[in-house]
N, C-alpha and C. Protein backbone atom coordinates (compact mmCIF):
# COMPACT_ATOMS: atom_id res chain seq x y z
N UNK A 1 0.84 -1.14 0.26
CA UNK A 1 0.09 0.10 0.16
C UNK A 1 0.93 1.37 -0.12
N UNK A 2 0.48 2.18 -0.69
CA UNK A 2 1.32 3.31 -0.86
C UNK A 2 0.61 4.50 -0.37
N UNK A 3 1.20 5.36 0.57
CA UNK A 3 0.29 6.74 1.25
C UNK A 3 1.00 7.93 0.30
N UNK A 4 -0.08 8.80 0.20
CA UNK A 4 0.36 9.94 -0.23
C UNK A 4 -0.33 11.05 0.45
N UNK A 5 0.80 11.83 1.27
CA UNK A 5 0.14 12.81 2.12
C UNK A 5 -0.45 13.93 1.38
N UNK A 6 -1.38 14.40 2.26
CA UNK A 6 -1.85 15.85 1.74
C UNK A 6 -1.37 16.90 2.24
N UNK A 7 -1.42 18.27 1.33
CA UNK A 7 -1.00 19.42 1.93
C UNK A 7 0.44 19.45 2.50
N UNK A 8 0.52 20.04 3.61
CA UNK A 8 1.91 19.89 4.54
C UNK A 8 2.32 18.95 5.44
N UNK A 9 1.42 17.80 5.10
CA UNK A 9 1.74 16.63 6.06
C UNK A 9 2.91 15.79 5.21
N UNK A 10 3.82 15.33 6.23
CA UNK A 10 4.70 14.15 5.82
C UNK A 10 4.53 12.84 6.55
N UNK A 11 5.33 11.80 6.13
CA UNK A 11 5.32 10.52 6.51
C UNK A 11 6.74 10.08 6.83
N UNK A 12 6.83 9.73 8.07
CA UNK A 12 8.15 9.47 8.61
C UNK A 12 8.48 7.89 9.21
N UNK A 13 9.37 7.52 8.77
CA UNK A 13 9.77 6.26 9.48
C UNK A 13 10.60 6.44 10.50
N UNK A 14 10.16 5.89 11.92
CA UNK A 14 10.94 6.45 13.12
C UNK A 14 12.18 5.71 13.19
N UNK A 15 13.42 6.09 13.46
CA UNK A 15 14.49 5.52 13.88
C UNK A 15 14.31 4.33 15.05
N UNK A 16 14.69 3.21 14.87
CA UNK A 16 14.81 2.16 16.16
C UNK A 16 15.96 2.48 17.07
N UNK A 17 15.54 2.24 18.33
CA UNK A 17 16.66 2.78 19.41
C UNK A 17 17.72 1.77 19.31
N UNK A 18 18.79 2.35 19.34
CA UNK A 18 20.16 1.58 19.13
C UNK A 18 20.13 0.68 20.37
N UNK A 19 20.64 -0.73 20.05
CA UNK A 19 20.93 -1.54 21.26
C UNK A 19 22.32 -1.69 21.67
N UNK A 20 23.22 -1.25 20.79
CA UNK A 20 24.53 -1.20 21.22
C UNK A 20 25.24 0.21 21.19
N UNK A 21 25.50 0.90 22.31
CA UNK A 21 26.44 2.08 22.36
C UNK A 21 27.44 2.19 21.41
N UNK A 22 27.94 3.41 21.00
CA UNK A 22 29.01 3.76 20.19
C UNK A 22 30.41 2.88 20.98
N UNK A 23 30.36 2.57 22.30
CA UNK A 23 31.61 2.12 22.85
C UNK A 23 31.24 0.85 22.94
N UNK A 24 30.09 0.31 22.47
CA UNK A 24 30.29 -1.36 22.36
C UNK A 24 29.36 -2.13 23.54
N UNK A 25 28.60 -1.07 24.33
CA UNK A 25 28.09 -1.68 25.61
C UNK A 25 26.49 -1.96 24.90
N UNK A 26 26.19 -3.19 25.19
CA UNK A 26 24.69 -3.81 24.56
C UNK A 26 23.86 -3.16 25.64
N UNK A 27 22.78 -2.59 24.95
CA UNK A 27 21.66 -2.16 26.14
C UNK A 27 20.58 -3.23 26.11
N UNK A 28 20.25 -3.94 27.33
CA UNK A 28 19.11 -5.12 27.44
C UNK A 28 17.96 -4.34 27.23
N UNK A 29 16.91 -5.16 26.81
CA UNK A 29 15.68 -4.92 26.43
C UNK A 29 14.90 -4.14 27.66
N UNK A 30 15.27 -4.68 28.77
CA UNK A 30 14.61 -4.25 29.99
C UNK A 30 14.84 -2.74 30.45
N UNK A 31 15.77 -2.18 29.97
CA UNK A 31 16.34 -0.96 30.18
C UNK A 31 16.23 -0.04 28.99
N UNK A 32 15.33 -0.30 27.96
CA UNK A 32 15.22 0.47 26.92
C UNK A 32 14.30 1.72 27.32
N UNK A 33 14.51 2.96 26.82
CA UNK A 33 13.83 4.17 27.33
C UNK A 33 12.64 4.35 26.14
N UNK A 34 12.55 5.54 25.80
CA UNK A 34 11.59 5.79 24.66
C UNK A 34 12.10 5.78 23.38
N UNK A 35 11.71 5.73 22.20
CA UNK A 35 11.98 5.80 20.98
C UNK A 35 12.86 7.11 20.69
N UNK A 36 13.75 7.42 19.94
CA UNK A 36 14.43 8.54 19.78
C UNK A 36 13.24 9.38 18.68
N UNK A 37 13.35 10.73 18.98
CA UNK A 37 12.52 11.55 17.99
C UNK A 37 13.34 11.97 16.85
N UNK A 38 13.68 10.69 15.91
CA UNK A 38 14.35 11.28 14.86
C UNK A 38 13.85 9.96 14.00
N UNK A 39 14.00 10.32 12.45
CA UNK A 39 13.41 9.63 11.90
C UNK A 39 13.77 9.98 10.08
N UNK A 40 13.63 9.06 9.01
CA UNK A 40 13.54 9.59 7.76
C UNK A 40 12.09 9.66 7.11
N UNK A 41 12.38 10.89 6.58
CA UNK A 41 10.91 11.34 5.67
C UNK A 41 10.92 10.27 4.54
N UNK A 42 9.63 9.64 4.51
CA UNK A 42 9.16 8.39 3.31
C UNK A 42 8.35 9.17 2.13
N UNK A 43 7.46 10.39 2.58
CA UNK A 43 6.74 10.58 1.56
C UNK A 43 6.29 12.23 2.13
N UNK A 44 6.32 12.91 1.32
CA UNK A 44 5.69 14.54 1.44
C UNK A 44 4.51 14.84 0.88
N UNK A 45 3.73 15.59 1.20
CA UNK A 45 2.72 16.34 0.52
C UNK A 45 3.39 17.34 -0.47
N UNK A 46 2.45 18.00 -1.01
CA UNK A 46 2.70 19.12 -2.12
C UNK A 46 3.10 20.33 -1.57
N UNK A 47 2.57 20.66 -0.34
CA UNK A 47 2.55 21.90 0.17
C UNK A 47 1.51 22.78 0.81
N UNK A 48 1.85 23.87 1.43
CA UNK A 48 0.65 24.51 1.88
C UNK A 48 0.27 25.61 1.18
N UNK A 49 -1.14 26.00 1.18
CA UNK A 49 -1.59 26.92 0.04
C UNK A 49 -1.54 28.23 1.18
N UNK A 50 -0.98 29.27 0.90
CA UNK A 50 -0.86 30.56 1.56
C UNK A 50 -2.27 31.53 1.45
N UNK A 51 -2.24 32.55 2.06
CA UNK A 51 -3.59 33.23 1.82
C UNK A 51 -3.97 33.80 0.55
N UNK A 52 -2.68 34.13 -0.15
CA UNK A 52 -3.03 34.45 -1.73
C UNK A 52 -3.42 33.34 -2.52
N UNK A 53 -3.49 32.38 -2.22
CA UNK A 53 -3.89 30.99 -3.06
C UNK A 53 -2.80 30.38 -3.70
N UNK A 54 -1.48 30.70 -3.28
CA UNK A 54 -0.18 30.07 -3.89
C UNK A 54 0.34 29.06 -3.25
N UNK A 55 0.67 27.97 -3.88
CA UNK A 55 1.10 26.74 -3.29
C UNK A 55 2.80 27.03 -2.95
N UNK A 56 2.82 26.94 -1.67
CA UNK A 56 4.13 27.00 -1.07
C UNK A 56 4.70 25.71 -0.86
N UNK A 57 5.75 25.39 -1.56
CA UNK A 57 6.32 23.96 -1.50
C UNK A 57 7.05 23.59 -0.24
N UNK A 58 6.82 22.29 0.29
CA UNK A 58 7.74 22.36 1.51
C UNK A 58 9.35 22.13 1.60
N UNK A 59 10.16 22.47 2.64
CA UNK A 59 11.50 22.54 2.68
C UNK A 59 12.15 21.29 3.03
N UNK A 60 11.37 20.30 3.36
CA UNK A 60 11.91 18.97 3.62
C UNK A 60 11.59 18.16 2.40
N UNK A 61 12.30 17.14 2.03
CA UNK A 61 12.17 16.26 0.87
C UNK A 61 12.41 14.94 1.60
N UNK A 62 11.65 13.98 0.50
CA UNK A 62 11.75 12.44 0.99
C UNK A 62 13.41 11.88 0.77
N UNK A 63 13.76 11.35 1.95
CA UNK A 63 15.22 11.03 2.28
C UNK A 63 15.80 11.69 3.21
N UNK A 64 15.26 12.83 3.73
CA UNK A 64 16.01 13.82 4.90
C UNK A 64 15.76 13.04 6.09
N UNK A 65 16.60 13.01 7.11
CA UNK A 65 16.79 12.36 8.23
C UNK A 65 16.46 13.83 9.40
N UNK A 66 15.47 13.66 9.86
CA UNK A 66 14.92 14.77 10.89
C UNK A 66 14.95 14.63 12.36
N UNK A 67 14.87 15.61 12.92
CA UNK A 67 14.43 15.50 14.35
C UNK A 67 12.96 16.21 14.46
N UNK A 68 12.06 15.43 15.48
CA UNK A 68 10.61 16.01 15.24
C UNK A 68 10.26 16.42 16.76
N UNK A 69 9.06 16.69 16.99
CA UNK A 69 8.53 17.26 18.12
C UNK A 69 7.91 15.83 18.72
N UNK A 70 7.96 15.76 20.04
CA UNK A 70 7.84 14.59 20.84
C UNK A 70 6.40 14.22 20.79
N UNK A 71 5.28 15.25 20.94
CA UNK A 71 4.09 15.15 20.86
C UNK A 71 3.28 15.27 19.80
N UNK A 72 3.90 15.78 18.57
CA UNK A 72 3.00 15.95 17.70
C UNK A 72 2.63 14.99 16.56
N UNK A 73 3.36 13.91 16.30
CA UNK A 73 3.15 12.95 15.24
C UNK A 73 2.04 12.11 15.92
N UNK A 74 1.42 11.61 14.72
CA UNK A 74 0.03 10.44 14.63
C UNK A 74 0.77 9.21 14.37
N UNK A 75 0.78 8.21 15.18
CA UNK A 75 1.23 6.78 14.71
C UNK A 75 0.08 5.90 14.10
N UNK A 76 0.46 5.37 13.00
CA UNK A 76 -0.23 4.55 12.08
C UNK A 76 0.52 3.43 11.83
N UNK A 77 -0.18 2.52 11.33
CA UNK A 77 0.43 1.02 11.08
C UNK A 77 -0.08 0.28 9.71
N UNK A 78 0.70 0.22 8.83
CA UNK A 78 0.16 -0.58 7.30
C UNK A 78 0.91 -1.23 7.02
N UNK A 79 0.54 -2.65 6.96
CA UNK A 79 1.27 -3.79 6.36
C UNK A 79 2.44 -4.24 7.44
N UNK A 80 2.15 -4.16 8.78
CA UNK A 80 3.00 -4.27 9.79
C UNK A 80 4.16 -3.57 9.96
N UNK A 81 4.00 -2.11 9.34
CA UNK A 81 5.22 -1.20 9.58
C UNK A 81 4.51 0.08 10.12
N UNK A 82 5.30 0.58 10.98
CA UNK A 82 4.75 1.63 11.64
C UNK A 82 5.62 3.05 11.14
N UNK A 83 4.76 3.89 11.07
CA UNK A 83 5.06 5.18 10.30
C UNK A 83 4.39 6.31 11.30
N UNK A 84 4.77 7.56 11.32
CA UNK A 84 4.45 8.74 11.90
C UNK A 84 3.95 9.78 10.88
N UNK A 85 2.80 10.44 11.20
CA UNK A 85 2.15 11.20 10.20
C UNK A 85 2.34 12.67 10.80
N UNK A 86 2.86 13.68 10.30
CA UNK A 86 3.22 14.95 11.31
C UNK A 86 2.91 16.30 9.92
N UNK A 87 3.05 17.21 10.52
CA UNK A 87 3.01 18.55 9.52
C UNK A 87 4.28 18.99 9.36
N UNK A 88 4.90 19.57 8.48
CA UNK A 88 6.09 19.99 8.22
C UNK A 88 6.51 20.66 9.54
N UNK A 89 5.55 21.55 9.97
CA UNK A 89 6.36 22.69 11.23
C UNK A 89 6.36 21.79 12.44
N UNK A 90 6.15 20.49 12.82
CA UNK A 90 6.79 19.76 13.72
C UNK A 90 8.17 19.32 13.42
N UNK A 91 8.56 19.47 12.26
CA UNK A 91 10.01 19.09 12.13
C UNK A 91 10.86 20.42 12.84
N UNK A 92 11.79 19.68 13.76
CA UNK A 92 12.62 20.70 14.31
C UNK A 92 13.71 21.11 13.67
N UNK A 93 14.59 20.13 13.09
CA UNK A 93 15.69 20.21 12.34
C UNK A 93 15.77 19.12 11.28
N UNK A 94 16.68 19.28 10.35
CA UNK A 94 17.29 18.38 9.28
C UNK A 94 18.61 18.02 9.90
N UNK A 95 18.81 16.67 9.93
CA UNK A 95 20.20 16.29 10.33
C UNK A 95 21.15 16.00 9.08
N UNK A 96 22.22 16.80 8.94
CA UNK A 96 22.82 16.68 8.18
C UNK A 96 24.25 15.96 8.16
């Protein structure tokens, strides 16, 4: 199934929490915290229409790795895969 977000919505695949730290320490399942607020953009809408009726394209694009606000995304599950749907304004930064 393909998803096509509307307006200024984006679809994000959230990164999984690392199970091994950079120093090589393995994190057991029992001590895992919340998932990181980072992910990769899978799909983007066409943009937002401003007051003049002009389409303003999104600044983010498919493939961008982003940081996003903790409480803003809507979680969805399609074909046993979990995704997040959010507005472009919920993106805090693009990871370069």
